[in-house]
N, C-alpha and C. Protein backbone atom coordinates (compact mmCIF):
# COMPACT_ATOMS: atom_id res chain seq x y z
N MET A 1 267.77 -169.32 2.49
CA MET A 1 267.60 -167.93 2.92
C MET A 1 268.85 -167.14 2.54
N ILE A 2 268.66 -165.84 2.45
CA ILE A 2 269.77 -164.94 2.17
C ILE A 2 269.85 -163.92 3.31
N CYS A 3 271.04 -163.68 3.80
CA CYS A 3 271.21 -162.77 4.92
C CYS A 3 271.08 -161.32 4.45
N PRO A 4 270.22 -160.53 5.07
CA PRO A 4 270.07 -159.14 4.67
C PRO A 4 271.22 -158.25 5.15
N TYR A 5 272.12 -158.82 5.96
CA TYR A 5 273.24 -158.04 6.49
C TYR A 5 274.52 -158.25 5.70
N CYS A 6 274.80 -159.52 5.34
CA CYS A 6 276.07 -159.79 4.64
C CYS A 6 275.87 -160.41 3.26
N GLY A 7 274.65 -160.84 2.92
CA GLY A 7 274.38 -161.41 1.60
C GLY A 7 274.69 -162.88 1.47
N ASN A 8 275.14 -163.53 2.55
CA ASN A 8 275.42 -164.96 2.47
C ASN A 8 274.13 -165.74 2.24
N VAL A 9 274.19 -166.71 1.33
CA VAL A 9 273.04 -167.57 1.04
C VAL A 9 273.25 -168.91 1.74
N ASP A 10 272.26 -169.31 2.55
CA ASP A 10 272.29 -170.61 3.23
C ASP A 10 271.23 -171.48 2.57
N ASN A 11 271.66 -172.38 1.69
CA ASN A 11 270.73 -173.23 0.94
C ASN A 11 270.05 -174.29 1.80
N LYS A 12 270.54 -174.50 3.02
CA LYS A 12 269.93 -175.49 3.91
C LYS A 12 268.63 -174.94 4.52
N ILE A 13 268.47 -173.64 4.51
CA ILE A 13 267.26 -173.01 5.07
C ILE A 13 266.51 -172.35 3.92
N PRO A 14 265.36 -172.90 3.52
CA PRO A 14 264.65 -172.33 2.37
C PRO A 14 263.99 -170.99 2.70
N THR A 15 263.97 -170.12 1.72
CA THR A 15 263.19 -168.88 1.82
C THR A 15 261.73 -169.25 1.60
N PRO A 16 260.82 -168.80 2.45
CA PRO A 16 259.40 -169.16 2.25
C PRO A 16 258.88 -168.66 0.91
N GLU A 17 258.06 -169.48 0.26
CA GLU A 17 257.41 -169.01 -0.96
C GLU A 17 256.52 -167.82 -0.62
N LEU A 18 255.84 -167.91 0.53
CA LEU A 18 254.91 -166.87 0.96
C LEU A 18 254.87 -166.89 2.48
N THR A 19 255.14 -165.76 3.11
CA THR A 19 255.01 -165.66 4.57
C THR A 19 253.62 -165.13 4.88
N LYS A 20 252.91 -165.83 5.77
CA LYS A 20 251.52 -165.49 6.06
C LYS A 20 251.41 -164.10 6.67
N THR A 21 250.32 -163.42 6.35
CA THR A 21 250.03 -162.11 6.89
C THR A 21 250.01 -162.16 8.42
N ASN A 22 250.49 -161.08 9.04
CA ASN A 22 250.48 -160.91 10.50
C ASN A 22 251.33 -161.94 11.23
N THR A 23 252.39 -162.43 10.56
CA THR A 23 253.31 -163.34 11.24
C THR A 23 254.73 -162.79 11.13
N ARG A 24 255.59 -163.30 11.98
CA ARG A 24 257.03 -163.04 11.91
C ARG A 24 257.69 -164.40 12.11
N VAL A 25 258.52 -164.81 11.18
CA VAL A 25 259.14 -166.13 11.26
C VAL A 25 260.65 -165.96 11.33
N LEU A 26 261.24 -166.50 12.40
CA LEU A 26 262.69 -166.53 12.51
C LEU A 26 263.19 -167.70 11.68
N LEU A 27 263.87 -167.40 10.55
CA LEU A 27 264.33 -168.47 9.67
C LEU A 27 265.58 -169.16 10.22
N GLY A 28 266.44 -168.39 10.85
CA GLY A 28 267.68 -168.96 11.37
C GLY A 28 268.69 -167.88 11.64
N ARG A 29 269.91 -168.32 11.92
CA ARG A 29 270.99 -167.38 12.19
C ARG A 29 272.04 -167.55 11.10
N CYS A 30 272.48 -166.44 10.54
CA CYS A 30 273.52 -166.47 9.50
C CYS A 30 274.87 -166.75 10.13
N GLU A 31 275.82 -167.18 9.31
CA GLU A 31 277.18 -167.41 9.81
C GLU A 31 277.83 -166.11 10.29
N CYS A 32 277.28 -164.94 9.88
CA CYS A 32 277.81 -163.66 10.36
C CYS A 32 277.30 -163.36 11.77
N GLY A 33 276.39 -164.21 12.29
CA GLY A 33 275.91 -164.06 13.65
C GLY A 33 274.56 -163.38 13.78
N ARG A 34 274.00 -162.84 12.70
CA ARG A 34 272.73 -162.12 12.76
C ARG A 34 271.55 -163.06 12.53
N GLU A 35 270.44 -162.78 13.22
CA GLU A 35 269.20 -163.51 12.98
C GLU A 35 268.58 -163.04 11.67
N VAL A 36 267.97 -163.98 10.95
CA VAL A 36 267.30 -163.66 9.68
C VAL A 36 265.81 -163.95 9.84
N TRP A 37 264.99 -162.92 9.58
CA TRP A 37 263.55 -162.99 9.78
C TRP A 37 262.81 -162.90 8.46
N ALA A 38 261.65 -163.53 8.42
CA ALA A 38 260.70 -163.36 7.31
C ALA A 38 259.50 -162.61 7.87
N ILE A 39 259.30 -161.40 7.37
CA ILE A 39 258.19 -160.56 7.82
C ILE A 39 257.44 -160.10 6.57
N PRO A 40 256.15 -160.44 6.47
CA PRO A 40 255.42 -160.17 5.23
C PRO A 40 255.09 -158.69 5.03
N THR A 41 254.45 -158.41 3.92
CA THR A 41 254.04 -157.06 3.57
C THR A 41 253.21 -156.45 4.69
N GLN A 42 253.57 -155.23 5.08
CA GLN A 42 252.87 -154.54 6.16
C GLN A 42 251.76 -153.63 5.64
N LYS A 43 251.77 -153.34 4.33
CA LYS A 43 250.76 -152.42 3.77
C LYS A 43 249.43 -153.14 3.66
N LYS A 44 248.42 -152.58 4.29
CA LYS A 44 247.10 -153.21 4.30
C LYS A 44 246.19 -152.65 3.21
N GLY A 45 246.38 -151.41 2.85
CA GLY A 45 245.48 -150.79 1.87
C GLY A 45 245.98 -149.40 1.50
N GLU A 46 245.18 -148.69 0.79
CA GLU A 46 245.52 -147.32 0.42
C GLU A 46 244.25 -146.50 0.31
N ARG A 47 244.34 -145.25 0.68
CA ARG A 47 243.16 -144.38 0.59
C ARG A 47 242.79 -144.13 -0.86
N SER A 48 243.80 -143.82 -1.65
CA SER A 48 243.58 -143.64 -3.09
C SER A 48 244.87 -143.93 -3.81
N GLN A 49 244.77 -144.35 -5.06
CA GLN A 49 245.97 -144.63 -5.83
C GLN A 49 246.76 -143.35 -6.05
N LEU A 50 246.08 -142.20 -6.22
CA LEU A 50 246.76 -140.92 -6.41
C LEU A 50 247.60 -140.58 -5.19
N GLU A 51 247.05 -140.74 -3.99
CA GLU A 51 247.80 -140.45 -2.77
C GLU A 51 249.02 -141.37 -2.67
N THR A 52 248.84 -142.64 -2.99
CA THR A 52 249.95 -143.59 -2.96
C THR A 52 251.06 -143.17 -3.91
N VAL A 53 250.68 -142.76 -5.13
CA VAL A 53 251.67 -142.33 -6.13
C VAL A 53 252.41 -141.09 -5.64
N GLU A 54 251.67 -140.12 -5.11
CA GLU A 54 252.31 -138.88 -4.65
C GLU A 54 253.28 -139.14 -3.50
N LYS A 55 252.86 -139.96 -2.53
CA LYS A 55 253.76 -140.30 -1.42
C LYS A 55 254.95 -141.10 -1.93
N GLY A 56 254.69 -142.01 -2.87
CA GLY A 56 255.76 -142.82 -3.43
C GLY A 56 256.80 -142.00 -4.16
N GLU A 57 256.36 -140.98 -4.89
CA GLU A 57 257.30 -140.13 -5.62
C GLU A 57 258.17 -139.33 -4.66
N ALA A 58 257.57 -138.81 -3.58
CA ALA A 58 258.35 -138.07 -2.58
C ALA A 58 259.36 -139.00 -1.91
N ARG A 59 258.92 -140.21 -1.57
CA ARG A 59 259.81 -141.18 -0.93
C ARG A 59 260.93 -141.60 -1.88
N GLU A 60 260.61 -141.72 -3.17
CA GLU A 60 261.62 -142.11 -4.15
C GLU A 60 262.77 -141.11 -4.20
N GLU A 61 262.46 -139.82 -4.05
CA GLU A 61 263.52 -138.80 -4.03
C GLU A 61 264.47 -139.03 -2.87
N VAL A 62 263.92 -139.35 -1.70
CA VAL A 62 264.73 -139.63 -0.51
C VAL A 62 265.61 -140.86 -0.75
N LEU A 63 265.01 -141.92 -1.29
CA LEU A 63 265.75 -143.16 -1.54
C LEU A 63 266.83 -142.96 -2.60
N ALA A 64 266.52 -142.21 -3.65
CA ALA A 64 267.51 -141.96 -4.71
C ALA A 64 268.72 -141.21 -4.15
N LYS A 65 268.49 -140.22 -3.31
CA LYS A 65 269.61 -139.48 -2.70
C LYS A 65 270.47 -140.40 -1.85
N ALA A 66 269.82 -141.28 -1.08
CA ALA A 66 270.58 -142.22 -0.25
C ALA A 66 271.41 -143.16 -1.12
N TYR A 67 270.83 -143.64 -2.22
CA TYR A 67 271.54 -144.55 -3.11
C TYR A 67 272.74 -143.86 -3.75
N LEU A 68 272.55 -142.64 -4.26
CA LEU A 68 273.64 -141.92 -4.91
C LEU A 68 274.78 -141.62 -3.93
N LYS A 69 274.44 -141.37 -2.68
CA LYS A 69 275.47 -141.10 -1.66
C LYS A 69 276.46 -142.25 -1.58
N HIS A 70 275.98 -143.47 -1.77
CA HIS A 70 276.84 -144.65 -1.64
C HIS A 70 277.37 -145.16 -2.97
N GLU A 71 276.61 -145.01 -4.06
CA GLU A 71 276.95 -145.66 -5.32
C GLU A 71 277.48 -144.74 -6.40
N GLY A 72 277.56 -143.46 -6.13
CA GLY A 72 278.12 -142.54 -7.12
C GLY A 72 277.06 -141.86 -7.95
N GLY A 73 277.43 -140.69 -8.44
CA GLY A 73 276.50 -139.85 -9.17
C GLY A 73 276.22 -138.61 -8.34
N THR A 74 276.22 -137.47 -8.99
CA THR A 74 275.98 -136.23 -8.25
C THR A 74 274.51 -135.86 -8.21
N ARG A 75 273.73 -136.36 -9.19
CA ARG A 75 272.30 -136.06 -9.17
C ARG A 75 271.57 -137.09 -10.02
N SER A 76 270.26 -137.18 -9.76
CA SER A 76 269.41 -138.01 -10.61
C SER A 76 268.16 -137.20 -10.94
N GLU A 77 267.52 -137.55 -12.04
CA GLU A 77 266.27 -136.87 -12.39
C GLU A 77 265.30 -137.86 -13.00
N GLN A 78 264.03 -137.54 -12.85
CA GLN A 78 262.98 -138.38 -13.43
C GLN A 78 263.10 -138.40 -14.94
N ARG A 79 262.86 -139.56 -15.54
CA ARG A 79 262.94 -139.69 -16.99
C ARG A 79 261.60 -139.41 -17.66
N GLY A 80 260.53 -139.33 -16.91
CA GLY A 80 259.21 -139.13 -17.49
C GLY A 80 258.29 -140.25 -17.05
N THR A 81 257.02 -139.94 -16.90
CA THR A 81 256.09 -140.90 -16.30
C THR A 81 255.78 -142.09 -17.20
N ALA A 82 256.07 -141.98 -18.49
CA ALA A 82 255.68 -143.07 -19.40
C ALA A 82 256.72 -144.18 -19.46
N ASP A 83 257.88 -143.98 -18.86
CA ASP A 83 258.93 -144.99 -18.99
C ASP A 83 258.97 -145.88 -17.76
N ASP A 84 259.45 -147.12 -17.95
CA ASP A 84 259.45 -148.09 -16.87
C ASP A 84 260.72 -148.08 -16.04
N ILE A 85 261.75 -147.38 -16.46
CA ILE A 85 262.93 -147.14 -15.63
C ILE A 85 262.92 -145.65 -15.35
N ASP A 86 262.79 -145.30 -14.07
CA ASP A 86 262.40 -143.94 -13.70
C ASP A 86 263.46 -142.85 -13.81
N ARG A 87 264.72 -143.19 -13.58
CA ARG A 87 265.68 -142.10 -13.35
C ARG A 87 266.95 -142.22 -14.19
N ASN A 88 267.48 -141.06 -14.60
CA ASN A 88 268.82 -140.93 -15.17
C ASN A 88 269.72 -140.48 -14.02
N VAL A 89 270.95 -140.98 -13.98
CA VAL A 89 271.92 -140.56 -12.98
C VAL A 89 273.11 -139.94 -13.71
N TYR A 90 273.59 -138.79 -13.16
CA TYR A 90 274.64 -138.00 -13.80
C TYR A 90 275.84 -137.87 -12.88
N ASP A 91 277.03 -137.72 -13.51
CA ASP A 91 278.24 -137.45 -12.75
C ASP A 91 278.44 -135.94 -12.60
N GLU A 92 279.58 -135.55 -12.00
CA GLU A 92 279.83 -134.13 -11.73
C GLU A 92 280.00 -133.30 -13.00
N LYS A 93 280.27 -133.95 -14.15
CA LYS A 93 280.39 -133.23 -15.42
C LYS A 93 279.09 -133.27 -16.22
N ASP A 94 278.03 -133.74 -15.57
CA ASP A 94 276.70 -133.83 -16.16
C ASP A 94 276.59 -134.87 -17.28
N ASN A 95 277.44 -135.88 -17.22
CA ASN A 95 277.33 -137.02 -18.13
C ASN A 95 276.42 -138.07 -17.51
N GLU A 96 275.55 -138.68 -18.31
CA GLU A 96 274.76 -139.81 -17.82
C GLU A 96 275.70 -140.97 -17.53
N ILE A 97 275.54 -141.59 -16.35
CA ILE A 97 276.43 -142.72 -16.02
C ILE A 97 275.68 -144.03 -15.80
N TYR A 98 274.41 -143.99 -15.41
CA TYR A 98 273.59 -145.20 -15.35
C TYR A 98 272.13 -144.79 -15.20
N TYR A 99 271.26 -145.80 -15.33
CA TYR A 99 269.82 -145.61 -15.13
C TYR A 99 269.43 -146.29 -13.83
N LEU A 100 268.42 -145.75 -13.17
CA LEU A 100 268.05 -146.22 -11.84
C LEU A 100 266.53 -146.35 -11.71
N GLU A 101 266.12 -147.49 -11.20
CA GLU A 101 264.73 -147.72 -10.82
C GLU A 101 264.75 -148.18 -9.36
N ILE A 102 263.97 -147.52 -8.51
CA ILE A 102 263.92 -147.88 -7.09
C ILE A 102 262.51 -148.32 -6.74
N LYS A 103 262.42 -149.47 -6.08
CA LYS A 103 261.15 -149.97 -5.59
C LYS A 103 261.30 -150.18 -4.08
N GLU A 104 260.37 -149.64 -3.31
CA GLU A 104 260.41 -149.85 -1.86
C GLU A 104 259.40 -150.91 -1.47
N ARG A 105 259.81 -151.81 -0.59
CA ARG A 105 258.97 -152.90 -0.12
C ARG A 105 258.66 -152.71 1.35
N SER A 106 257.46 -153.13 1.76
CA SER A 106 257.09 -153.06 3.18
C SER A 106 257.25 -154.43 3.84
N ASN A 107 258.06 -155.30 3.24
CA ASN A 107 258.35 -156.62 3.80
C ASN A 107 259.86 -156.80 3.92
N SER A 108 260.25 -157.79 4.70
CA SER A 108 261.67 -158.11 4.82
C SER A 108 262.12 -158.88 3.57
N LEU A 109 263.42 -158.93 3.38
CA LEU A 109 264.01 -159.56 2.20
C LEU A 109 263.54 -161.01 2.02
N ASN A 110 263.47 -161.77 3.10
CA ASN A 110 263.16 -163.20 3.03
C ASN A 110 261.69 -163.54 3.16
N ALA A 111 260.80 -162.56 3.07
CA ALA A 111 259.37 -162.83 3.26
C ALA A 111 258.79 -163.67 2.13
N TYR A 112 259.31 -163.49 0.92
CA TYR A 112 258.80 -164.19 -0.26
C TYR A 112 259.98 -164.69 -1.07
N ARG A 113 259.87 -165.91 -1.60
CA ARG A 113 260.98 -166.49 -2.37
C ARG A 113 261.33 -165.64 -3.58
N ASP A 114 260.31 -165.11 -4.26
CA ASP A 114 260.53 -164.25 -5.42
C ASP A 114 260.03 -162.85 -5.11
N THR A 115 260.80 -161.85 -5.49
CA THR A 115 260.28 -160.48 -5.44
C THR A 115 259.77 -160.15 -6.84
N ARG A 116 258.70 -159.38 -6.91
CA ARG A 116 258.04 -159.13 -8.19
C ARG A 116 257.98 -157.64 -8.50
N PHE A 117 258.07 -157.34 -9.76
CA PHE A 117 257.79 -156.01 -10.28
C PHE A 117 257.44 -156.19 -11.75
N PRO A 118 256.81 -155.19 -12.39
CA PRO A 118 256.38 -155.38 -13.78
C PRO A 118 257.54 -155.78 -14.70
N TYR A 119 257.31 -156.81 -15.51
CA TYR A 119 258.34 -157.30 -16.42
C TYR A 119 258.77 -156.22 -17.41
N ALA A 120 257.91 -155.25 -17.63
CA ALA A 120 258.25 -154.15 -18.54
C ALA A 120 259.52 -153.42 -18.09
N LYS A 121 259.83 -153.47 -16.81
CA LYS A 121 261.06 -152.83 -16.33
C LYS A 121 262.29 -153.57 -16.86
N ILE A 122 262.21 -154.88 -16.96
CA ILE A 122 263.31 -155.66 -17.55
C ILE A 122 263.43 -155.32 -19.04
N ASP A 123 262.31 -155.33 -19.75
CA ASP A 123 262.33 -155.02 -21.19
C ASP A 123 262.91 -153.63 -21.45
N THR A 124 262.45 -152.63 -20.67
CA THR A 124 262.95 -151.27 -20.85
C THR A 124 264.43 -151.18 -20.49
N GLY A 125 264.83 -151.86 -19.42
CA GLY A 125 266.24 -151.87 -19.03
C GLY A 125 267.13 -152.42 -20.14
N LYS A 126 266.72 -153.53 -20.73
CA LYS A 126 267.51 -154.12 -21.83
C LYS A 126 267.56 -153.17 -23.03
N LYS A 127 266.44 -152.53 -23.32
CA LYS A 127 266.39 -151.59 -24.44
C LYS A 127 267.36 -150.42 -24.20
N LEU A 128 267.38 -149.89 -22.99
CA LEU A 128 268.30 -148.78 -22.67
C LEU A 128 269.75 -149.21 -22.79
N ILE A 129 270.06 -150.42 -22.32
CA ILE A 129 271.44 -150.92 -22.43
C ILE A 129 271.84 -151.04 -23.90
N ARG A 130 270.95 -151.61 -24.73
CA ARG A 130 271.25 -151.74 -26.16
C ARG A 130 271.47 -150.38 -26.82
N GLU A 131 270.64 -149.40 -26.46
CA GLU A 131 270.69 -148.10 -27.12
C GLU A 131 271.84 -147.23 -26.63
N THR A 132 272.21 -147.34 -25.36
CA THR A 132 273.17 -146.39 -24.78
C THR A 132 274.45 -147.03 -24.27
N GLY A 133 274.40 -148.34 -23.99
CA GLY A 133 275.56 -149.01 -23.39
C GLY A 133 275.71 -148.74 -21.90
N LEU A 134 274.78 -147.98 -21.31
CA LEU A 134 274.89 -147.65 -19.89
C LEU A 134 274.20 -148.72 -19.04
N PRO A 135 274.70 -148.94 -17.82
CA PRO A 135 274.08 -149.94 -16.95
C PRO A 135 272.72 -149.49 -16.44
N VAL A 136 271.91 -150.47 -16.07
CA VAL A 136 270.59 -150.24 -15.49
C VAL A 136 270.54 -150.96 -14.14
N HIS A 137 270.28 -150.17 -13.08
CA HIS A 137 270.17 -150.72 -11.73
C HIS A 137 268.71 -150.71 -11.31
N ILE A 138 268.19 -151.88 -10.95
CA ILE A 138 266.88 -151.95 -10.31
C ILE A 138 267.15 -152.23 -8.84
N VAL A 139 266.81 -151.27 -8.01
CA VAL A 139 267.14 -151.31 -6.58
C VAL A 139 265.87 -151.56 -5.79
N LEU A 140 265.95 -152.49 -4.87
CA LEU A 140 264.82 -152.86 -4.02
C LEU A 140 265.18 -152.55 -2.58
N LYS A 141 264.43 -151.63 -1.99
CA LYS A 141 264.69 -151.25 -0.61
C LYS A 141 263.66 -151.99 0.26
N PHE A 142 264.11 -153.08 0.90
CA PHE A 142 263.28 -153.85 1.81
C PHE A 142 263.33 -153.20 3.19
N THR A 143 262.53 -153.69 4.13
CA THR A 143 262.57 -153.10 5.47
C THR A 143 263.90 -153.37 6.17
N ASP A 144 264.58 -154.47 5.79
CA ASP A 144 265.80 -154.85 6.50
C ASP A 144 267.08 -154.72 5.68
N CYS A 145 266.99 -154.29 4.43
CA CYS A 145 268.21 -154.13 3.63
C CYS A 145 267.91 -153.44 2.30
N TRP A 146 268.98 -153.06 1.63
CA TRP A 146 268.93 -152.61 0.24
C TRP A 146 269.49 -153.73 -0.61
N ALA A 147 268.86 -153.99 -1.75
CA ALA A 147 269.33 -155.03 -2.66
C ALA A 147 269.27 -154.50 -4.08
N ARG A 148 270.06 -155.11 -4.96
CA ARG A 148 270.13 -154.60 -6.33
C ARG A 148 270.14 -155.74 -7.33
N LEU A 149 269.45 -155.47 -8.43
CA LEU A 149 269.53 -156.31 -9.62
C LEU A 149 270.11 -155.44 -10.73
N ARG A 150 271.24 -155.85 -11.28
CA ARG A 150 271.79 -155.17 -12.46
C ARG A 150 271.25 -155.90 -13.67
N VAL A 151 270.53 -155.19 -14.52
CA VAL A 151 269.92 -155.84 -15.68
C VAL A 151 271.02 -156.31 -16.62
N VAL A 152 270.92 -157.57 -17.07
CA VAL A 152 271.91 -158.18 -17.97
C VAL A 152 271.21 -158.53 -19.28
N LEU A 153 271.79 -158.08 -20.38
CA LEU A 153 271.16 -158.25 -21.70
C LEU A 153 270.83 -159.69 -22.04
N ASP A 154 271.79 -160.60 -21.86
CA ASP A 154 271.59 -161.96 -22.35
C ASP A 154 271.02 -162.91 -21.28
N HIS A 155 270.51 -162.35 -20.19
CA HIS A 155 269.92 -163.19 -19.15
C HIS A 155 268.42 -163.30 -19.37
N GLU A 156 267.89 -164.52 -19.25
CA GLU A 156 266.45 -164.74 -19.35
C GLU A 156 265.85 -164.68 -17.95
N TYR A 157 265.08 -163.67 -17.68
CA TYR A 157 264.45 -163.50 -16.38
C TYR A 157 263.12 -164.22 -16.34
N LYS A 158 262.81 -164.80 -15.20
CA LYS A 158 261.56 -165.54 -15.02
C LYS A 158 260.38 -164.56 -15.08
N LYS A 159 259.32 -164.99 -15.74
CA LYS A 159 258.14 -164.16 -15.92
C LYS A 159 256.92 -164.91 -15.38
N SER A 160 256.02 -164.19 -14.70
CA SER A 160 254.80 -164.83 -14.21
C SER A 160 253.89 -165.20 -15.37
N GLU A 161 253.06 -166.20 -15.15
CA GLU A 161 252.16 -166.66 -16.21
C GLU A 161 250.91 -165.81 -16.32
N LYS A 162 250.58 -165.11 -15.25
CA LYS A 162 249.39 -164.25 -15.29
C LYS A 162 249.68 -162.97 -14.52
N PRO A 163 248.89 -161.93 -14.76
CA PRO A 163 249.13 -160.65 -14.07
C PRO A 163 249.07 -160.80 -12.55
N PHE A 164 249.87 -160.00 -11.89
CA PHE A 164 249.91 -159.98 -10.43
C PHE A 164 249.59 -158.57 -9.97
N ALA A 165 248.78 -158.46 -8.92
CA ALA A 165 248.49 -157.16 -8.34
C ALA A 165 248.43 -157.31 -6.83
N PRO A 166 248.85 -156.29 -6.10
CA PRO A 166 248.71 -156.36 -4.63
C PRO A 166 247.25 -156.54 -4.25
N ARG A 167 247.04 -157.12 -3.07
CA ARG A 167 245.66 -157.40 -2.65
C ARG A 167 244.83 -156.13 -2.48
N TYR A 168 245.50 -154.97 -2.29
CA TYR A 168 244.75 -153.72 -2.16
C TYR A 168 244.49 -153.06 -3.52
N ARG A 169 244.88 -153.73 -4.63
CA ARG A 169 244.54 -153.23 -5.97
C ARG A 169 243.96 -154.37 -6.80
N PRO A 170 242.85 -154.95 -6.38
CA PRO A 170 242.32 -156.13 -7.08
C PRO A 170 241.93 -155.85 -8.52
N TRP A 171 241.61 -154.60 -8.86
CA TRP A 171 241.21 -154.29 -10.24
C TRP A 171 242.34 -154.44 -11.24
N GLN A 172 243.58 -154.57 -10.76
CA GLN A 172 244.71 -154.72 -11.68
C GLN A 172 245.00 -156.18 -12.03
N ARG A 173 244.28 -157.11 -11.43
CA ARG A 173 244.63 -158.53 -11.58
C ARG A 173 244.53 -159.04 -13.01
N SER A 174 243.74 -158.38 -13.83
CA SER A 174 243.60 -158.84 -15.21
C SER A 174 244.39 -157.99 -16.20
N LYS A 175 245.18 -157.05 -15.71
CA LYS A 175 245.91 -156.13 -16.60
C LYS A 175 247.21 -156.77 -17.08
N GLU A 176 247.40 -156.81 -18.38
CA GLU A 176 248.61 -157.39 -18.95
C GLU A 176 249.86 -156.65 -18.46
N ARG A 177 249.71 -155.36 -18.17
CA ARG A 177 250.82 -154.55 -17.67
C ARG A 177 251.37 -155.09 -16.34
N GLN A 178 250.55 -155.88 -15.64
CA GLN A 178 250.94 -156.40 -14.34
C GLN A 178 251.59 -157.78 -14.41
N VAL A 179 251.92 -158.27 -15.61
CA VAL A 179 252.72 -159.50 -15.70
C VAL A 179 254.08 -159.19 -15.08
N SER A 180 254.51 -160.05 -14.17
CA SER A 180 255.67 -159.73 -13.33
C SER A 180 256.94 -160.43 -13.78
N ALA A 181 258.05 -159.74 -13.53
CA ALA A 181 259.33 -160.42 -13.41
C ALA A 181 259.33 -161.05 -12.02
N MET A 182 259.82 -162.27 -11.92
CA MET A 182 259.88 -162.96 -10.64
C MET A 182 261.36 -163.25 -10.35
N ILE A 183 261.91 -162.46 -9.45
CA ILE A 183 263.35 -162.51 -9.19
C ILE A 183 263.59 -163.22 -7.85
N PRO A 184 264.24 -164.40 -7.87
CA PRO A 184 264.54 -165.07 -6.60
C PRO A 184 265.41 -164.17 -5.72
N VAL A 185 264.99 -163.97 -4.47
CA VAL A 185 265.72 -163.03 -3.61
C VAL A 185 267.16 -163.49 -3.37
N GLU A 186 267.40 -164.80 -3.43
CA GLU A 186 268.78 -165.30 -3.21
C GLU A 186 269.75 -164.85 -4.31
N THR A 187 269.23 -164.36 -5.44
CA THR A 187 270.09 -163.93 -6.54
C THR A 187 270.40 -162.44 -6.49
N LEU A 188 269.78 -161.71 -5.55
CA LEU A 188 270.01 -160.27 -5.48
C LEU A 188 271.35 -159.96 -4.83
N GLU A 189 271.91 -158.84 -5.23
CA GLU A 189 273.14 -158.32 -4.60
C GLU A 189 272.72 -157.50 -3.39
N ILE A 190 273.18 -157.89 -2.21
CA ILE A 190 272.86 -157.15 -0.98
C ILE A 190 273.86 -156.02 -0.84
N LEU A 191 273.34 -154.80 -0.68
CA LEU A 191 274.20 -153.62 -0.61
C LEU A 191 274.64 -153.38 0.83
N PRO A 192 275.86 -152.86 1.01
CA PRO A 192 276.48 -152.87 2.35
C PRO A 192 276.12 -151.70 3.26
N TRP A 193 275.03 -151.00 3.00
CA TRP A 193 274.63 -149.94 3.92
C TRP A 193 273.20 -150.20 4.39
N ARG A 194 272.78 -149.48 5.43
CA ARG A 194 271.47 -149.75 6.02
C ARG A 194 270.65 -148.47 6.21
N ASP A 195 270.92 -147.44 5.43
CA ASP A 195 270.15 -146.20 5.53
C ASP A 195 268.65 -146.51 5.44
N LEU A 196 267.87 -145.96 6.35
CA LEU A 196 266.40 -146.04 6.33
C LEU A 196 265.86 -147.45 6.55
N CYS A 197 266.70 -148.38 6.97
CA CYS A 197 266.25 -149.75 7.25
C CYS A 197 265.85 -149.86 8.72
N GLU A 198 265.05 -150.87 9.02
CA GLU A 198 264.66 -151.16 10.40
C GLU A 198 265.56 -152.25 10.94
N ASP A 199 265.88 -152.16 12.23
CA ASP A 199 266.57 -153.27 12.87
C ASP A 199 265.54 -154.20 13.44
N ILE A 200 265.45 -155.39 12.86
CA ILE A 200 264.41 -156.35 13.23
C ILE A 200 264.80 -157.06 14.52
N ASN A 201 266.10 -157.31 14.71
CA ASN A 201 266.51 -158.02 15.92
C ASN A 201 267.44 -157.17 16.77
């Protein structure tokens, strides 16, 4: 397990491959003194994909502002709907300083051994690094913490063998676009703030 408060990894306590729906599992207590919980995805469905996208875009603006407050950059802007890394981040002189992709999760950090998102985000991140030399941050906002993956050019990221789609989007299960990067949560960098997080214990 990995502590969502301090980032310490305790290899003696495994992160569940999958936490069952409608359960809460106390995995253990970190050496920092905090309890670590596995709480699965809370999202049961969606009224429409359009509504989900619109709400997600509004929420992304809130999350991006919170991230910039702690990590630097005076503003961010959308890069366009066709790209897999959503945002450019600028400094006070209007220079691009890094690229940002934010994904919000309705589960706790330790709910699943691997966190997933479309592998195209890794491919696009590497392409941007090659073309511009600027870093690419993929940020995952879980219910109990913020975590980050900095895309690394020469790292081979694990890829799913078949497309993955949330249970409320079964029609995407056969889409090649849904082939996932599978990132072990123990490898994520835990960020030291808790804006918009829930206190589980």
